[in-house]
Structure formats: C-alpha cells, structure tokens
Amino acid sequence: MAELTFGDILIRFSVNHEGYLTHVAEANQSDVSITIPADALTKLPRGIDALMSHVRIGGNADFADSLSFVFRHLRWDREADLARLVGPIAGRRAHLAIDHASRSLPALVERSARNIGEFLVHEGGVLVAPGEVDALGDALRHLRDDMARLEKRLDRVDKLIDAPT
C-alpha cells in the first residue's frame, strides 16, 4: 500500500495483481509514503524535475522506484475519458479540438503580444520603439561630447582673458 499526500489531501492506493492502481480506504501501514508540498506545483512550469526535487519519498525503496517510473511515464488518455462522458464520436472531435487549440495557443499568444506591442508603440504612443531609444542614446552621447568640447573651449577663452598681457 502507498500513501500520496498533497498538502492536506491524502490518497491511499495499492497495486493489484494485474498491475492496476486501486483505492484503499482503510488506514493500514503503508509501504511507501509520497509527500508533495502544496506550493510545489508552482515549480511545474520549470519542468517535472523541478517539481520532483520537492517531493519526499519514504519507505520501501524498490516499490518507490517502481511507482516513480510509472508516474514519470503516465500519460492521460484524454480521448478515452471524453468518449466515456460524451460518446466516442464527440469525444474524438473534442480531443482533436483540444489538441489543436493546445498546439495553436502559444503562437496565438505570441502574435497577440507582438500586435499589442506594435499598437502601443505606433498607434497609442504609450511605448517607445527600441530603435528610437537607441537613436536618443546616440544623440545624447553626441551632445555630451559636444558639451565637453565646448567646456574645454570656454576654459581656454577664460585662460586667455585672465592671462596678464
């Protein structure tokens, strides 16, 4: 038997003789305990390894290693679950629509961000284009150099005026 603790949630399960996970209701002594802190899911965008670095595993090492292998290679069969809910044809179409949306979403977000950025720069006048910032920096450097040369000339003129004749 194994215990999976995620924050305040406790799930007890065992592996039956066919290799399937089965829920266990009674509180027997568990062979493996897996504890995932509640804030560990914030590490998931950085990858499963970042999440797994916060997971604590105790108990039978062989059983824990086998469970780790299973959980690492576990894949959700979204189409089968959707088919059970809405039927095989609608489940297949919903699965394809979700799959297409999940592949298209990153490009859509990137294009939208680029369009919003261009609008804020060119139409809204809220942001400054990177090329304009570089041009302003160049102009300021030239102005600083011109001011330094002017100060040197003024110093020479002051020396000539103050010099005894």
C-alpha atoms as a PDB file:
ATOM      1  CA  MET A   1       0.000   0.000   0.000  1.00  0.00           C
ATOM      2  CA  ALA A   2       1.141   3.550  -0.686  1.00  0.00           C
ATOM      3  CA  GLU A   3       0.129   6.976   0.576  1.00  0.00           C
ATOM      4  CA  LEU A   4       0.253  10.115  -1.533  1.00  0.00           C
ATOM      5  CA  THR A   5      -0.022  13.345   0.442  1.00  0.00           C
ATOM      6  CA  PHE A   6      -0.505  16.624  -1.400  1.00  0.00           C
ATOM      7  CA  GLY A   7      -0.940  19.460   1.066  1.00  0.00           C
ATOM      8  CA  ASP A   8      -3.977  18.415   3.148  1.00  0.00           C
ATOM      9  CA  ILE A   9      -5.131  15.757   0.661  1.00  0.00           C
ATOM     10  CA  LEU A  10      -4.294  12.141   1.441  1.00  0.00           C
ATOM     11  CA  ILE A  11      -4.761   9.369  -1.142  1.00  0.00           C
ATOM     12  CA  ARG A  12      -4.159   5.748  -0.223  1.00  0.00           C
ATOM     13  CA  PHE A  13      -3.755   3.204  -3.010  1.00  0.00           C
ATOM     14  CA  SER A  14      -2.296  -0.176  -3.735  1.00  0.00           C
ATOM     15  CA  VAL A  15      -1.271  -2.098  -6.842  1.00  0.00           C
ATOM     16  CA  ASN A  16      -3.427  -5.151  -7.573  1.00  0.00           C
ATOM     17  CA  HIS A  17      -2.198  -8.426  -9.089  1.00  0.00           C
ATOM     18  CA  GLU A  18      -2.893  -7.117 -12.641  1.00  0.00           C
ATOM     19  CA  GLY A  19      -0.743  -4.042 -12.080  1.00  0.00           C
ATOM     20  CA  TYR A  20      -3.581  -1.506 -11.742  1.00  0.00           C
ATOM     21  CA  LEU A  21      -3.802   1.088  -9.006  1.00  0.00           C
ATOM     22  CA  THR A  22      -6.724   0.570  -6.643  1.00  0.00           C
ATOM     23  CA  HIS A  23      -8.039   2.906  -3.967  1.00  0.00           C
ATOM     24  CA  VAL A  24      -7.592   1.802  -0.362  1.00  0.00           C
ATOM     25  CA  ALA A  25      -9.961   3.256   2.226  1.00  0.00           C
ATOM     26  CA  GLU A  26      -8.626   1.761   5.463  1.00  0.00           C
ATOM     27  CA  ALA A  27      -5.572   3.141   7.193  1.00  0.00           C
ATOM     28  CA  ASN A  28      -3.098   0.246   7.194  1.00  0.00           C
ATOM     29  CA  GLN A  29       0.631   0.606   7.459  1.00  0.00           C
ATOM     30  CA  SER A  30       1.824   1.884   4.098  1.00  0.00           C
ATOM     31  CA  ASP A  31       4.899   0.534   2.310  1.00  0.00           C
ATOM     32  CA  VAL A  32       5.654   3.868   0.645  1.00  0.00           C
ATOM     33  CA  SER A  33       4.755   7.432   1.552  1.00  0.00           C
ATOM     34  CA  ILE A  34       4.990  10.209  -1.044  1.00  0.00           C
ATOM     35  CA  THR A  35       4.658  13.780   0.201  1.00  0.00           C
ATOM     36  CA  ILE A  36       4.269  16.716  -2.178  1.00  0.00           C
ATOM     37  CA  PRO A  37       4.223  20.165  -0.537  1.00  0.00           C
ATOM     38  CA  ALA A  38       1.238  22.313  -1.551  1.00  0.00           C
ATOM     39  CA  ASP A  39       3.494  25.012  -3.049  1.00  0.00           C
ATOM     40  CA  ALA A  40       5.453  22.505  -5.167  1.00  0.00           C
ATOM     41  CA  LEU A  41       3.073  22.897  -8.127  1.00  0.00           C
ATOM     42  CA  THR A  42       4.497  26.385  -8.658  1.00  0.00           C
ATOM     43  CA  LYS A  43       7.696  24.628  -9.793  1.00  0.00           C
ATOM     44  CA  LEU A  44       5.881  22.648 -12.516  1.00  0.00           C
ATOM     45  CA  PRO A  45       6.335  25.255 -15.306  1.00  0.00           C
ATOM     46  CA  ARG A  46      10.103  24.793 -14.904  1.00  0.00           C
ATOM     47  CA  GLY A  47       9.721  21.069 -15.573  1.00  0.00           C
ATOM     48  CA  ILE A  48       8.916  17.849 -13.797  1.00  0.00           C
ATOM     49  CA  ASP A  49      12.450  17.641 -12.379  1.00  0.00           C
ATOM     50  CA  ALA A  50      11.987  20.960 -10.571  1.00  0.00           C
ATOM     51  CA  LEU A  51       8.760  19.635  -9.086  1.00  0.00           C
ATOM     52  CA  MET A  52      10.288  16.277  -8.145  1.00  0.00           C
ATOM     53  CA  SER A  53      13.103  17.998  -6.228  1.00  0.00           C
ATOM     54  CA  HIS A  54      10.496  18.994  -3.602  1.00  0.00           C
ATOM     55  CA  VAL A  55       8.828  15.574  -3.332  1.00  0.00           C
ATOM     56  CA  ARG A  56       9.710  13.468  -0.273  1.00  0.00           C
ATOM     57  CA  ILE A  57       9.539   9.686  -0.631  1.00  0.00           C
ATOM     58  CA  GLY A  58       9.900   7.255   2.243  1.00  0.00           C
ATOM     59  CA  GLY A  59       9.517   3.527   2.771  1.00  0.00           C
ATOM     60  CA  ASN A  60      10.285   0.549   0.551  1.00  0.00           C
ATOM     61  CA  ALA A  61      12.873   1.733  -1.978  1.00  0.00           C
ATOM     62  CA  ASP A  62      12.024  -0.836  -4.688  1.00  0.00           C
ATOM     63  CA  PHE A  63       8.298  -0.070  -4.548  1.00  0.00           C
ATOM     64  CA  ALA A  64       9.020   3.688  -4.509  1.00  0.00           C
ATOM     65  CA  ASP A  65      11.300   3.329  -7.535  1.00  0.00           C
ATOM     66  CA  SER A  66       8.640   1.354  -9.428  1.00  0.00           C
ATOM     67  CA  LEU A  67       5.979   3.961  -8.591  1.00  0.00           C
ATOM     68  CA  SER A  68       8.344   6.738  -9.660  1.00  0.00           C
ATOM     69  CA  PHE A  69       8.850   5.024 -13.025  1.00  0.00           C
ATOM     70  CA  VAL A  70       5.097   4.586 -13.515  1.00  0.00           C
ATOM     71  CA  PHE A  71       4.269   8.178 -12.553  1.00  0.00           C
ATOM     72  CA  ARG A  72       7.037   9.564 -14.775  1.00  0.00           C
ATOM     73  CA  HIS A  73       5.674   7.666 -17.792  1.00  0.00           C
ATOM     74  CA  LEU A  74       1.995   8.106 -17.018  1.00  0.00           C
ATOM     75  CA  ARG A  75       0.065   9.753 -19.872  1.00  0.00           C
ATOM     76  CA  TRP A  76      -3.559  10.842 -19.754  1.00  0.00           C
ATOM     77  CA  ASP A  77      -5.774   9.284 -22.420  1.00  0.00           C
ATOM     78  CA  ARG A  78      -7.951  12.350 -22.820  1.00  0.00           C
ATOM     79  CA  GLU A  79      -9.837  10.914 -25.783  1.00  0.00           C
ATOM     80  CA  ALA A  80     -10.958   7.806 -23.865  1.00  0.00           C
ATOM     81  CA  ASP A  81     -12.138   9.869 -20.889  1.00  0.00           C
ATOM     82  CA  LEU A  82     -14.016  12.290 -23.144  1.00  0.00           C
ATOM     83  CA  ALA A  83     -15.578   9.347 -25.017  1.00  0.00           C
ATOM     84  CA  ARG A  84     -16.929   7.998 -21.728  1.00  0.00           C
ATOM     85  CA  LEU A  85     -18.502  11.389 -20.990  1.00  0.00           C
ATOM     86  CA  VAL A  86     -19.948  12.416 -24.357  1.00  0.00           C
ATOM     87  CA  GLY A  87     -19.653   9.370 -26.602  1.00  0.00           C
ATOM     88  CA  PRO A  88     -16.943   8.128 -28.978  1.00  0.00           C
ATOM     89  CA  ILE A  89     -17.525  10.487 -31.919  1.00  0.00           C
ATOM     90  CA  ALA A  90     -17.966  13.649 -29.851  1.00  0.00           C
ATOM     91  CA  GLY A  91     -15.079  12.545 -27.611  1.00  0.00           C
ATOM     92  CA  ARG A  92     -12.787  12.145 -30.621  1.00  0.00           C
ATOM     93  CA  ARG A  93     -13.773  15.542 -32.023  1.00  0.00           C
ATOM     94  CA  ALA A  94     -13.395  17.233 -28.640  1.00  0.00           C
ATOM     95  CA  HIS A  95      -9.969  15.609 -28.222  1.00  0.00           C
ATOM     96  CA  LEU A  96      -8.858  16.833 -31.669  1.00  0.00           C
ATOM     97  CA  ALA A  97     -10.177  20.334 -30.943  1.00  0.00           C
ATOM     98  CA  ILE A  98      -8.364  20.483 -27.597  1.00  0.00           C
ATOM     99  CA  ASP A  99      -5.180  19.131 -29.172  1.00  0.00           C
ATOM    100  CA  HIS A 100      -5.334  21.695 -31.976  1.00  0.00           C
ATOM    101  CA  ALA A 101      -6.033  24.516 -29.512  1.00  0.00           C
ATOM    102  CA  SER A 102      -3.149  23.493 -27.247  1.00  0.00           C
ATOM    103  CA  ARG A 103      -0.736  23.459 -30.202  1.00  0.00           C
ATOM    104  CA  SER A 104      -2.063  26.755 -31.618  1.00  0.00           C
ATOM    105  CA  LEU A 105      -2.263  28.672 -28.350  1.00  0.00           C
ATOM    106  CA  PRO A 106       1.465  29.541 -27.947  1.00  0.00           C
ATOM    107  CA  ALA A 107       1.641  31.026 -31.467  1.00  0.00           C
ATOM    108  CA  LEU A 108      -1.605  32.928 -30.867  1.00  0.00           C
ATOM    109  CA  VAL A 109      -0.274  34.393 -27.624  1.00  0.00           C
ATOM    110  CA  GLU A 110       2.998  35.376 -29.306  1.00  0.00           C
ATOM    111  CA  ARG A 111       1.235  37.080 -32.233  1.00  0.00           C
ATOM    112  CA  SER A 112      -1.173  38.854 -29.884  1.00  0.00           C
ATOM    113  CA  ALA A 113       1.663  40.140 -27.703  1.00  0.00           C
ATOM    114  CA  ARG A 114       3.521  41.386 -30.777  1.00  0.00           C
ATOM    115  CA  ASN A 115       0.382  43.131 -32.102  1.00  0.00           C
ATOM    116  CA  ILE A 116      -0.331  44.753 -28.750  1.00  0.00           C
ATOM    117  CA  GLY A 117       3.287  45.917 -28.553  1.00  0.00           C
ATOM    118  CA  GLU A 118       3.134  47.425 -32.037  1.00  0.00           C
ATOM    119  CA  PHE A 119      -0.150  49.143 -31.216  1.00  0.00           C
ATOM    120  CA  LEU A 120       1.260  50.636 -28.017  1.00  0.00           C
ATOM    121  CA  VAL A 121       4.338  51.885 -29.875  1.00  0.00           C
ATOM    122  CA  HIS A 122       2.886  53.150 -33.151  1.00  0.00           C
ATOM    123  CA  GLU A 123      -0.803  53.874 -32.567  1.00  0.00           C
ATOM    124  CA  GLY A 124      -1.146  54.501 -28.850  1.00  0.00           C
ATOM    125  CA  GLY A 125       2.109  56.369 -28.343  1.00  0.00           C
ATOM    126  CA  VAL A 126       2.419  54.756 -24.914  1.00  0.00           C
ATOM    127  CA  LEU A 127       5.720  52.952 -25.528  1.00  0.00           C
ATOM    128  CA  VAL A 128       8.866  53.983 -27.358  1.00  0.00           C
ATOM    129  CA  ALA A 129      10.268  51.811 -30.139  1.00  0.00           C
ATOM    130  CA  PRO A 130      13.675  50.229 -29.418  1.00  0.00           C
ATOM    131  CA  GLY A 131      15.197  51.980 -32.451  1.00  0.00           C
ATOM    132  CA  GLU A 132      14.079  55.350 -31.093  1.00  0.00           C
ATOM    133  CA  VAL A 133      15.677  54.599 -27.723  1.00  0.00           C
ATOM    134  CA  ASP A 134      18.961  53.731 -29.457  1.00  0.00           C
ATOM    135  CA  ALA A 135      18.786  56.909 -31.564  1.00  0.00           C
ATOM    136  CA  LEU A 136      18.109  59.001 -28.452  1.00  0.00           C
ATOM    137  CA  GLY A 137      21.081  57.374 -26.704  1.00  0.00           C
ATOM    138  CA  ASP A 138      23.333  58.193 -29.679  1.00  0.00           C
ATOM    139  CA  ALA A 139      22.082  61.784 -29.756  1.00  0.00           C
ATOM    140  CA  LEU A 140      22.718  62.169 -26.023  1.00  0.00           C
ATOM    141  CA  ARG A 141      26.258  60.800 -26.376  1.00  0.00           C
ATOM    142  CA  HIS A 142      26.967  63.265 -29.193  1.00  0.00           C
ATOM    143  CA  LEU A 143      25.505  66.102 -27.111  1.00  0.00           C
ATOM    144  CA  ARG A 144      27.662  65.089 -24.128  1.00  0.00           C
ATOM    145  CA  ASP A 145      30.789  65.052 -26.325  1.00  0.00           C
ATOM    146  CA  ASP A 146      29.883  68.446 -27.842  1.00  0.00           C
ATOM    147  CA  MET A 147      29.331  69.877 -24.356  1.00  0.00           C
ATOM    148  CA  ALA A 148      32.706  68.554 -23.208  1.00  0.00           C
ATOM    149  CA  ARG A 149      34.412  70.197 -26.215  1.00  0.00           C
ATOM    150  CA  LEU A 150      32.545  73.468 -25.569  1.00  0.00           C
ATOM    151  CA  GLU A 151      33.620  73.469 -21.916  1.00  0.00           C
ATOM    152  CA  LYS A 152      37.252  72.994 -22.962  1.00  0.00           C
ATOM    153  CA  ARG A 153      36.995  75.914 -25.398  1.00  0.00           C
ATOM    154  CA  LEU A 154      35.400  78.111 -22.758  1.00  0.00           C
ATOM    155  CA  ASP A 155      38.180  77.187 -20.320  1.00  0.00           C
ATOM    156  CA  ARG A 156      40.772  78.238 -22.936  1.00  0.00           C
ATOM    157  CA  VAL A 157      38.917  81.513 -23.542  1.00  0.00           C
ATOM    158  CA  ASP A 158      38.782  82.151 -19.765  1.00  0.00           C
ATOM    159  CA  LYS A 159      42.554  81.483 -19.529  1.00  0.00           C
ATOM    160  CA  LEU A 160      43.219  83.920 -22.368  1.00  0.00           C
ATOM    161  CA  ILE A 161      41.093  86.608 -20.745  1.00  0.00           C
ATOM    162  CA  ASP A 162      42.648  86.094 -17.307  1.00  0.00           C
ATOM    163  CA  ALA A 163      46.188  85.912 -18.691  1.00  0.00           C
ATOM    164  CA  PRO A 164      48.305  89.031 -17.999  1.00  0.00           C
ATOM    165  CA  THR A 165      49.282  90.950 -21.075  1.00  0.00           C
END
